[in-house]
N, C-alpha and C. Protein backbone atom coordinates (compact mmCIF):
# COMPACT_ATOMS: atom_id res chain seq x y z
N MET A 1 0.84 -1.18 0.00
CA MET A 1 0.00 0.00 0.00
C MET A 1 0.88 1.24 0.00
N SER A 2 0.39 2.25 -0.63
CA SER A 2 1.15 3.48 -0.64
C SER A 2 0.75 4.34 0.55
N HIS A 3 1.67 5.15 0.99
CA HIS A 3 1.43 6.06 2.10
C HIS A 3 1.28 7.46 1.53
N ARG A 4 0.63 8.30 2.28
CA ARG A 4 0.52 9.68 1.88
C ARG A 4 1.75 10.42 2.37
N VAL A 5 2.26 11.26 1.52
CA VAL A 5 3.41 12.06 1.90
C VAL A 5 2.95 13.49 2.06
N GLY A 6 3.34 14.11 3.17
CA GLY A 6 2.92 15.47 3.44
C GLY A 6 4.12 16.40 3.46
N HIS A 7 3.85 17.68 3.45
CA HIS A 7 4.86 18.72 3.53
C HIS A 7 4.36 19.79 4.49
N HIS A 8 5.25 20.28 5.34
CA HIS A 8 4.88 21.39 6.22
C HIS A 8 4.71 22.67 5.41
N CYS A 9 5.59 22.91 4.49
CA CYS A 9 5.51 24.07 3.61
C CYS A 9 6.27 23.74 2.33
N ALA A 10 6.26 24.64 1.41
CA ALA A 10 6.83 24.37 0.09
C ALA A 10 8.32 24.00 0.13
N HIS A 11 9.05 24.49 1.12
CA HIS A 11 10.49 24.27 1.16
C HIS A 11 10.92 23.22 2.19
N SER A 12 9.98 22.55 2.80
CA SER A 12 10.35 21.59 3.85
C SER A 12 10.52 20.19 3.28
N GLU A 13 11.13 19.34 4.08
CA GLU A 13 11.32 17.95 3.71
C GLU A 13 9.98 17.23 3.78
N PRO A 14 9.72 16.30 2.86
CA PRO A 14 8.49 15.53 2.95
C PRO A 14 8.56 14.59 4.15
N PHE A 15 7.41 14.21 4.67
CA PHE A 15 7.37 13.26 5.76
C PHE A 15 6.26 12.26 5.49
N LEU A 16 6.41 11.09 6.08
CA LEU A 16 5.44 10.03 5.92
C LEU A 16 4.26 10.28 6.85
N VAL A 17 3.06 10.20 6.33
CA VAL A 17 1.87 10.40 7.14
C VAL A 17 1.23 9.04 7.39
N LEU A 18 1.11 8.68 8.64
CA LEU A 18 0.39 7.48 9.02
C LEU A 18 -1.05 7.91 9.24
N LEU A 19 -1.94 7.46 8.36
CA LEU A 19 -3.33 7.86 8.48
C LEU A 19 -3.88 7.34 9.81
N THR A 20 -4.38 8.25 10.62
CA THR A 20 -4.76 7.92 11.98
C THR A 20 -6.20 8.33 12.26
N ILE A 21 -6.93 7.43 12.88
CA ILE A 21 -8.26 7.74 13.38
C ILE A 21 -8.22 7.57 14.89
N ALA A 22 -8.59 8.62 15.60
CA ALA A 22 -8.69 8.54 17.06
C ALA A 22 -10.17 8.50 17.40
N VAL A 23 -10.60 7.44 18.07
CA VAL A 23 -11.99 7.28 18.45
C VAL A 23 -12.17 7.89 19.84
N ILE A 24 -12.85 9.04 19.88
CA ILE A 24 -12.97 9.83 21.11
C ILE A 24 -14.44 10.20 21.31
N ASN A 25 -14.90 10.12 22.52
CA ASN A 25 -16.24 10.56 22.86
C ASN A 25 -16.24 10.97 24.31
N GLN A 26 -17.10 11.91 24.69
CA GLN A 26 -17.14 12.39 26.07
C GLN A 26 -17.90 11.45 26.98
N LYS A 27 -18.64 10.53 26.45
CA LYS A 27 -19.47 9.65 27.26
C LYS A 27 -18.83 8.27 27.40
N GLY A 28 -18.83 7.76 28.61
CA GLY A 28 -18.38 6.40 28.83
C GLY A 28 -19.43 5.42 28.30
N GLY A 29 -18.99 4.24 27.89
CA GLY A 29 -19.93 3.23 27.42
C GLY A 29 -20.54 3.54 26.07
N SER A 30 -19.90 4.38 25.29
CA SER A 30 -20.47 4.79 24.00
C SER A 30 -19.94 3.97 22.83
N GLY A 31 -19.10 2.99 23.09
CA GLY A 31 -18.63 2.12 22.02
C GLY A 31 -17.31 2.51 21.39
N LYS A 32 -16.51 3.31 22.09
CA LYS A 32 -15.22 3.74 21.54
C LYS A 32 -14.31 2.55 21.27
N THR A 33 -14.15 1.68 22.25
CA THR A 33 -13.27 0.52 22.09
C THR A 33 -13.82 -0.43 21.04
N THR A 34 -15.12 -0.67 21.07
CA THR A 34 -15.74 -1.56 20.09
C THR A 34 -15.54 -1.01 18.67
N THR A 35 -15.75 0.27 18.51
CA THR A 35 -15.56 0.90 17.20
C THR A 35 -14.12 0.76 16.72
N ALA A 36 -13.18 1.10 17.59
CA ALA A 36 -11.76 1.05 17.21
C ALA A 36 -11.31 -0.37 16.88
N THR A 37 -11.66 -1.33 17.73
CA THR A 37 -11.20 -2.71 17.48
C THR A 37 -11.87 -3.30 16.24
N ASN A 38 -13.13 -2.96 16.02
CA ASN A 38 -13.82 -3.47 14.83
C ASN A 38 -13.29 -2.84 13.55
N LEU A 39 -13.01 -1.54 13.58
CA LEU A 39 -12.38 -0.91 12.41
C LEU A 39 -11.07 -1.59 12.07
N ALA A 40 -10.24 -1.78 13.08
CA ALA A 40 -8.94 -2.42 12.85
C ALA A 40 -9.12 -3.84 12.32
N ALA A 41 -10.04 -4.59 12.90
CA ALA A 41 -10.26 -5.98 12.47
C ALA A 41 -10.75 -6.06 11.03
N VAL A 42 -11.71 -5.22 10.68
CA VAL A 42 -12.25 -5.25 9.32
C VAL A 42 -11.18 -4.84 8.31
N TRP A 43 -10.45 -3.77 8.62
CA TRP A 43 -9.41 -3.35 7.69
C TRP A 43 -8.33 -4.41 7.55
N GLY A 44 -7.93 -5.01 8.65
CA GLY A 44 -6.87 -6.01 8.59
C GLY A 44 -7.30 -7.31 7.93
N ARG A 45 -8.43 -7.83 8.36
CA ARG A 45 -8.88 -9.15 7.91
C ARG A 45 -9.53 -9.10 6.53
N GLU A 46 -10.44 -8.18 6.33
CA GLU A 46 -11.24 -8.19 5.11
C GLU A 46 -10.67 -7.32 3.99
N ARG A 47 -9.89 -6.33 4.36
CA ARG A 47 -9.36 -5.41 3.35
C ARG A 47 -7.85 -5.57 3.14
N ALA A 48 -7.23 -6.45 3.92
CA ALA A 48 -5.78 -6.68 3.84
C ALA A 48 -5.00 -5.38 4.00
N VAL A 49 -5.44 -4.54 4.92
CA VAL A 49 -4.79 -3.28 5.21
C VAL A 49 -4.02 -3.43 6.52
N ARG A 50 -2.75 -3.10 6.50
CA ARG A 50 -1.93 -3.22 7.71
C ARG A 50 -2.33 -2.11 8.69
N THR A 51 -2.88 -2.54 9.83
CA THR A 51 -3.46 -1.60 10.78
C THR A 51 -2.83 -1.76 12.15
N LEU A 52 -2.50 -0.62 12.76
CA LEU A 52 -1.97 -0.59 14.12
C LEU A 52 -3.06 -0.04 15.03
N LEU A 53 -3.44 -0.82 16.03
CA LEU A 53 -4.41 -0.40 17.04
C LEU A 53 -3.64 0.06 18.26
N VAL A 54 -3.82 1.31 18.65
CA VAL A 54 -3.10 1.88 19.79
C VAL A 54 -4.10 2.12 20.92
N ASP A 55 -3.89 1.45 22.05
CA ASP A 55 -4.80 1.55 23.18
C ASP A 55 -4.33 2.66 24.12
N LEU A 56 -4.95 3.83 24.00
CA LEU A 56 -4.62 4.99 24.83
C LEU A 56 -5.42 5.02 26.13
N ASP A 57 -6.25 4.06 26.33
CA ASP A 57 -7.15 4.03 27.47
C ASP A 57 -6.48 3.41 28.69
N PRO A 58 -6.42 4.15 29.82
CA PRO A 58 -5.83 3.58 31.05
C PRO A 58 -6.62 2.36 31.57
N GLN A 59 -7.83 2.17 31.07
CA GLN A 59 -8.58 0.97 31.43
C GLN A 59 -8.24 -0.19 30.50
N PHE A 60 -7.42 0.07 29.53
CA PHE A 60 -6.88 -0.89 28.55
C PHE A 60 -7.89 -1.90 28.02
N ALA A 61 -9.08 -1.43 27.69
CA ALA A 61 -10.14 -2.31 27.21
C ALA A 61 -9.79 -2.98 25.87
N ALA A 62 -9.19 -2.24 24.95
CA ALA A 62 -8.81 -2.84 23.66
C ALA A 62 -7.73 -3.90 23.86
N THR A 63 -6.82 -3.64 24.76
CA THR A 63 -5.76 -4.61 25.06
C THR A 63 -6.39 -5.90 25.58
N ARG A 64 -7.31 -5.77 26.53
CA ARG A 64 -8.01 -6.95 27.08
C ARG A 64 -8.87 -7.62 26.02
N HIS A 65 -9.53 -6.83 25.19
CA HIS A 65 -10.39 -7.37 24.14
C HIS A 65 -9.59 -8.28 23.20
N LEU A 66 -8.34 -7.93 22.97
CA LEU A 66 -7.51 -8.74 22.08
C LEU A 66 -6.77 -9.86 22.82
N GLY A 67 -7.11 -10.05 24.09
CA GLY A 67 -6.59 -11.20 24.83
C GLY A 67 -5.28 -10.97 25.56
N TYR A 68 -4.88 -9.73 25.72
CA TYR A 68 -3.62 -9.42 26.41
C TYR A 68 -3.89 -8.77 27.76
N ARG A 69 -2.96 -9.00 28.67
CA ARG A 69 -2.92 -8.27 29.94
C ARG A 69 -1.64 -7.45 29.93
N PRO A 70 -1.69 -6.20 30.37
CA PRO A 70 -0.49 -5.37 30.34
C PRO A 70 0.71 -6.03 31.03
N ALA A 71 0.48 -6.75 32.10
CA ALA A 71 1.58 -7.38 32.83
C ALA A 71 2.28 -8.45 31.99
N ASP A 72 1.59 -8.99 31.00
CA ASP A 72 2.17 -10.04 30.16
C ASP A 72 2.87 -9.48 28.92
N LEU A 73 2.75 -8.19 28.70
CA LEU A 73 3.38 -7.58 27.53
C LEU A 73 4.81 -7.14 27.85
N PRO A 74 5.73 -7.25 26.90
CA PRO A 74 7.09 -6.79 27.15
C PRO A 74 7.16 -5.27 27.36
N ALA A 75 6.20 -4.54 26.76
CA ALA A 75 6.13 -3.08 26.92
C ALA A 75 4.73 -2.64 26.52
N THR A 76 4.32 -1.51 27.09
CA THR A 76 3.03 -0.92 26.75
C THR A 76 3.27 0.49 26.20
N LEU A 77 2.20 1.15 25.83
CA LEU A 77 2.32 2.52 25.34
C LEU A 77 2.94 3.42 26.40
N HIS A 78 2.62 3.18 27.65
CA HIS A 78 3.23 3.98 28.73
C HIS A 78 4.75 3.85 28.70
N ASP A 79 5.25 2.64 28.55
CA ASP A 79 6.70 2.42 28.52
C ASP A 79 7.35 3.16 27.35
N VAL A 80 6.65 3.19 26.23
CA VAL A 80 7.17 3.89 25.05
C VAL A 80 7.24 5.39 25.31
N LEU A 81 6.15 5.95 25.82
CA LEU A 81 6.05 7.40 25.99
C LEU A 81 6.81 7.92 27.20
N ALA A 82 6.79 7.19 28.29
CA ALA A 82 7.40 7.69 29.54
C ALA A 82 8.85 7.25 29.71
N ASP A 83 9.16 6.06 29.23
CA ASP A 83 10.48 5.50 29.49
C ASP A 83 11.37 5.39 28.25
N GLY A 84 10.85 5.79 27.10
CA GLY A 84 11.66 5.77 25.89
C GLY A 84 11.89 4.40 25.29
N VAL A 85 11.06 3.41 25.66
CA VAL A 85 11.18 2.08 25.08
C VAL A 85 10.86 2.18 23.59
N ASP A 86 11.59 1.45 22.78
CA ASP A 86 11.38 1.46 21.34
C ASP A 86 9.95 1.03 21.02
N THR A 87 9.29 1.76 20.15
CA THR A 87 7.89 1.48 19.82
C THR A 87 7.70 0.06 19.33
N SER A 88 8.60 -0.42 18.51
CA SER A 88 8.44 -1.77 17.96
C SER A 88 8.45 -2.85 19.05
N THR A 89 9.09 -2.57 20.18
CA THR A 89 9.09 -3.52 21.29
C THR A 89 7.70 -3.69 21.88
N ALA A 90 6.88 -2.66 21.81
CA ALA A 90 5.54 -2.69 22.40
C ALA A 90 4.48 -3.27 21.45
N ILE A 91 4.83 -3.50 20.21
CA ILE A 91 3.85 -3.98 19.24
C ILE A 91 3.68 -5.49 19.35
N ARG A 92 2.41 -5.91 19.39
CA ARG A 92 2.06 -7.32 19.46
C ARG A 92 1.06 -7.62 18.35
N ASN A 93 1.12 -8.84 17.83
CA ASN A 93 0.16 -9.26 16.82
C ASN A 93 -1.19 -9.48 17.49
N ALA A 94 -2.22 -8.98 16.85
CA ALA A 94 -3.58 -9.26 17.31
C ALA A 94 -4.04 -10.58 16.67
N SER A 95 -5.15 -11.09 17.12
CA SER A 95 -5.64 -12.35 16.56
C SER A 95 -6.12 -12.19 15.12
N ASP A 96 -6.48 -10.97 14.74
CA ASP A 96 -6.91 -10.73 13.37
C ASP A 96 -5.71 -10.49 12.47
N PRO A 97 -5.68 -11.11 11.29
CA PRO A 97 -4.57 -10.88 10.36
C PRO A 97 -4.50 -9.41 9.97
N GLY A 98 -3.31 -8.89 9.85
CA GLY A 98 -3.12 -7.52 9.42
C GLY A 98 -3.26 -6.49 10.53
N VAL A 99 -3.52 -6.93 11.76
CA VAL A 99 -3.73 -6.00 12.87
C VAL A 99 -2.68 -6.26 13.95
N ASP A 100 -2.04 -5.18 14.36
CA ASP A 100 -1.11 -5.23 15.49
C ASP A 100 -1.62 -4.28 16.57
N LEU A 101 -1.11 -4.48 17.78
CA LEU A 101 -1.57 -3.72 18.94
C LEU A 101 -0.40 -3.13 19.70
N ILE A 102 -0.56 -1.88 20.14
CA ILE A 102 0.28 -1.33 21.20
C ILE A 102 -0.65 -1.21 22.40
N GLY A 103 -0.41 -2.01 23.41
CA GLY A 103 -1.31 -2.11 24.55
C GLY A 103 -1.22 -0.92 25.49
N GLY A 104 -2.32 -0.69 26.17
CA GLY A 104 -2.39 0.35 27.20
C GLY A 104 -2.27 -0.25 28.58
N ASP A 105 -2.17 0.59 29.57
CA ASP A 105 -2.21 0.15 30.97
C ASP A 105 -2.62 1.31 31.87
N ARG A 106 -2.83 1.01 33.13
CA ARG A 106 -3.34 2.01 34.08
C ARG A 106 -2.44 3.23 34.23
N ARG A 107 -1.16 3.06 34.01
CA ARG A 107 -0.22 4.16 34.20
C ARG A 107 -0.41 5.29 33.19
N LEU A 108 -1.18 5.05 32.13
CA LEU A 108 -1.44 6.11 31.15
C LEU A 108 -2.19 7.29 31.76
N ALA A 109 -3.03 7.03 32.75
CA ALA A 109 -3.76 8.11 33.42
C ALA A 109 -2.79 9.06 34.12
N GLU A 110 -1.82 8.50 34.83
CA GLU A 110 -0.81 9.32 35.50
C GLU A 110 0.05 10.07 34.49
N LEU A 111 0.38 9.40 33.40
CA LEU A 111 1.20 10.02 32.37
C LEU A 111 0.49 11.24 31.78
N GLU A 112 -0.79 11.09 31.48
CA GLU A 112 -1.54 12.23 30.93
C GLU A 112 -1.50 13.41 31.87
N LEU A 113 -1.69 13.15 33.15
CA LEU A 113 -1.67 14.25 34.13
C LEU A 113 -0.29 14.87 34.24
N SER A 114 0.74 14.06 34.15
CA SER A 114 2.10 14.60 34.28
C SER A 114 2.51 15.43 33.06
N LEU A 115 1.84 15.23 31.94
CA LEU A 115 2.18 15.96 30.71
C LEU A 115 1.35 17.23 30.50
N VAL A 116 0.44 17.52 31.41
CA VAL A 116 -0.44 18.67 31.24
C VAL A 116 0.32 19.95 30.94
N GLY A 117 1.40 20.21 31.64
CA GLY A 117 2.16 21.44 31.45
C GLY A 117 3.19 21.39 30.34
N GLU A 118 3.35 20.25 29.71
CA GLU A 118 4.37 20.09 28.67
C GLU A 118 3.93 20.73 27.35
N ALA A 119 4.79 21.51 26.78
CA ALA A 119 4.53 22.06 25.45
C ALA A 119 4.65 20.94 24.44
N MET A 120 3.79 20.95 23.47
CA MET A 120 3.84 19.98 22.37
C MET A 120 3.73 18.53 22.86
N ARG A 121 2.93 18.28 23.87
CA ARG A 121 2.83 16.93 24.43
C ARG A 121 2.33 15.91 23.41
N GLU A 122 1.52 16.37 22.45
CA GLU A 122 1.04 15.44 21.44
C GLU A 122 2.18 14.89 20.59
N ARG A 123 3.29 15.59 20.55
CA ARG A 123 4.44 15.13 19.77
C ARG A 123 5.02 13.82 20.31
N PHE A 124 4.87 13.56 21.61
CA PHE A 124 5.41 12.31 22.16
C PHE A 124 4.78 11.11 21.45
N LEU A 125 3.49 11.13 21.33
CA LEU A 125 2.78 10.03 20.68
C LEU A 125 3.05 10.01 19.18
N ILE A 126 3.01 11.16 18.56
CA ILE A 126 3.26 11.23 17.12
C ILE A 126 4.67 10.74 16.79
N THR A 127 5.64 11.17 17.56
CA THR A 127 7.02 10.73 17.34
C THR A 127 7.15 9.22 17.50
N ALA A 128 6.50 8.67 18.51
CA ALA A 128 6.54 7.22 18.71
C ALA A 128 5.93 6.48 17.53
N LEU A 129 4.83 6.98 17.00
CA LEU A 129 4.18 6.32 15.87
C LEU A 129 4.96 6.49 14.57
N GLU A 130 5.64 7.62 14.42
CA GLU A 130 6.43 7.84 13.22
C GLU A 130 7.53 6.79 13.04
N THR A 131 8.03 6.24 14.14
CA THR A 131 9.11 5.26 14.05
C THR A 131 8.65 3.94 13.44
N VAL A 132 7.34 3.69 13.41
CA VAL A 132 6.82 2.45 12.83
C VAL A 132 5.86 2.71 11.67
N ALA A 133 5.73 3.96 11.24
CA ALA A 133 4.75 4.35 10.22
C ALA A 133 4.87 3.57 8.93
N GLU A 134 6.07 3.24 8.52
CA GLU A 134 6.25 2.54 7.25
C GLU A 134 5.69 1.13 7.27
N GLN A 135 5.44 0.57 8.45
CA GLN A 135 4.92 -0.79 8.56
C GLN A 135 3.40 -0.86 8.43
N TYR A 136 2.73 0.29 8.48
CA TYR A 136 1.27 0.29 8.55
C TYR A 136 0.65 1.24 7.55
N ASP A 137 -0.60 0.91 7.19
CA ASP A 137 -1.38 1.77 6.32
C ASP A 137 -2.30 2.69 7.13
N PHE A 138 -2.78 2.19 8.26
CA PHE A 138 -3.66 2.95 9.12
C PHE A 138 -3.30 2.73 10.58
N CYS A 139 -3.64 3.71 11.38
CA CYS A 139 -3.53 3.59 12.83
C CYS A 139 -4.90 3.97 13.40
N VAL A 140 -5.41 3.14 14.30
CA VAL A 140 -6.66 3.43 14.99
C VAL A 140 -6.32 3.51 16.47
N SER A 141 -6.70 4.60 17.11
CA SER A 141 -6.41 4.70 18.54
C SER A 141 -7.70 4.83 19.33
N THR A 142 -7.69 4.18 20.49
CA THR A 142 -8.81 4.29 21.42
C THR A 142 -8.46 5.35 22.44
N ALA A 143 -9.45 5.82 23.12
CA ALA A 143 -9.22 6.80 24.18
C ALA A 143 -10.32 6.69 25.20
N LEU A 144 -9.98 7.06 26.43
CA LEU A 144 -11.02 7.08 27.44
C LEU A 144 -11.90 8.28 27.24
N ARG A 145 -13.02 8.29 27.93
CA ARG A 145 -13.92 9.43 27.78
C ARG A 145 -13.20 10.70 28.21
N THR A 146 -13.54 11.78 27.58
CA THR A 146 -12.79 13.01 27.79
C THR A 146 -13.41 13.92 28.83
N SER A 147 -14.53 13.55 29.44
CA SER A 147 -15.19 14.46 30.36
C SER A 147 -14.51 14.53 31.73
N ALA A 148 -13.68 13.56 32.08
CA ALA A 148 -13.03 13.55 33.39
C ALA A 148 -12.07 14.73 33.54
N CYS A 149 -11.49 15.16 32.46
CA CYS A 149 -10.59 16.31 32.45
C CYS A 149 -10.89 17.12 31.21
N SER A 150 -10.42 18.30 31.19
CA SER A 150 -10.56 19.12 30.00
C SER A 150 -9.91 18.40 28.83
N PRO A 151 -10.53 18.40 27.65
CA PRO A 151 -9.92 17.75 26.49
C PRO A 151 -8.50 18.21 26.22
N SER A 152 -8.18 19.43 26.58
CA SER A 152 -6.83 19.93 26.31
C SER A 152 -5.78 19.25 27.17
N THR A 153 -6.20 18.55 28.24
CA THR A 153 -5.23 17.85 29.07
C THR A 153 -5.00 16.43 28.61
N ARG A 154 -5.79 15.95 27.69
CA ARG A 154 -5.71 14.57 27.26
C ARG A 154 -4.60 14.38 26.23
N LEU A 155 -3.86 13.30 26.40
CA LEU A 155 -2.83 12.93 25.44
C LEU A 155 -3.48 12.48 24.13
N SER A 156 -4.63 11.82 24.24
CA SER A 156 -5.28 11.27 23.06
C SER A 156 -5.95 12.31 22.19
N GLN A 157 -6.52 13.34 22.79
CA GLN A 157 -7.26 14.32 22.00
C GLN A 157 -6.38 15.12 21.03
N PRO A 158 -5.24 15.63 21.46
CA PRO A 158 -4.45 16.42 20.51
C PRO A 158 -4.01 15.66 19.27
N ILE A 159 -3.75 14.36 19.39
CA ILE A 159 -3.31 13.63 18.19
C ILE A 159 -4.42 13.56 17.16
N ALA A 160 -5.66 13.57 17.61
CA ALA A 160 -6.77 13.50 16.66
C ALA A 160 -6.82 14.73 15.77
N TYR A 161 -6.29 15.83 16.25
CA TYR A 161 -6.34 17.06 15.49
C TYR A 161 -4.97 17.55 15.07
N SER A 162 -3.97 16.73 15.22
CA SER A 162 -2.61 17.12 14.87
C SER A 162 -2.44 17.19 13.36
N SER A 163 -1.62 18.11 12.93
CA SER A 163 -1.40 18.25 11.49
C SER A 163 -0.63 17.07 10.91
N ARG A 164 0.04 16.29 11.75
CA ARG A 164 0.80 15.15 11.23
C ARG A 164 -0.03 13.88 11.18
N SER A 165 -1.16 13.81 11.84
CA SER A 165 -2.01 12.65 11.67
C SER A 165 -2.77 12.84 10.36
N GLY A 166 -3.06 11.77 9.69
CA GLY A 166 -3.59 11.87 8.34
C GLY A 166 -4.98 12.46 8.25
N TRP A 167 -5.86 12.12 9.16
CA TRP A 167 -7.22 12.61 9.09
C TRP A 167 -7.49 13.49 10.29
N LYS A 168 -8.23 14.53 10.05
CA LYS A 168 -8.65 15.39 11.14
C LYS A 168 -10.18 15.40 11.14
N THR A 169 -10.75 14.26 11.49
CA THR A 169 -12.19 14.10 11.42
C THR A 169 -12.76 14.12 12.83
N LYS A 170 -13.84 14.84 12.99
CA LYS A 170 -14.51 14.91 14.28
C LYS A 170 -15.95 14.48 14.06
N ALA A 171 -16.35 13.40 14.69
CA ALA A 171 -17.71 12.90 14.52
C ALA A 171 -18.50 13.18 15.80
N HIS A 172 -19.74 13.56 15.65
CA HIS A 172 -20.61 13.80 16.79
C HIS A 172 -21.67 12.72 16.82
N CYS A 173 -21.83 12.09 17.99
CA CYS A 173 -22.84 11.05 18.15
C CYS A 173 -23.81 11.48 19.24
N ARG A 174 -25.04 11.16 19.08
CA ARG A 174 -26.04 11.42 20.11
C ARG A 174 -26.61 10.09 20.55
N ALA A 175 -26.64 9.89 21.88
CA ALA A 175 -27.18 8.63 22.39
C ALA A 175 -28.60 8.82 22.84
């Protein structure tokens, strides 16, 4: 599959864009994890699209859904973002062909709070994903509900609107 190549401006170096969908909603129990895991599964299994599922949820529901426990993983997203562990070390094959997972864990909640004052905090996640971008056609990320804190404090929300993520789509759902 081909990747989209972007440019910051006319004179800048091109960069690889990993098309990313962040599934975010302010309400708990609204199907964020189900949506993200099903998108990844359909793209991987039925469309033969190499998809990376990133579990940004401190409740790690997508990780559990795919049969993993954070304690059994060699590294989680927290380890990548907080401790500088290589992103590829945290990637695990999901049961669906074409789908890989970077698992979440409870420590992501603390990490989000510790990054509130950091400038460009969304770059931590984007930089981590850029190191594996060539291996995937799409990235789907889950996130916990955003009402517990201001959306601006969330690590997951800024990536959804970052200029380096491929799509900047915001969907509104009413329950």
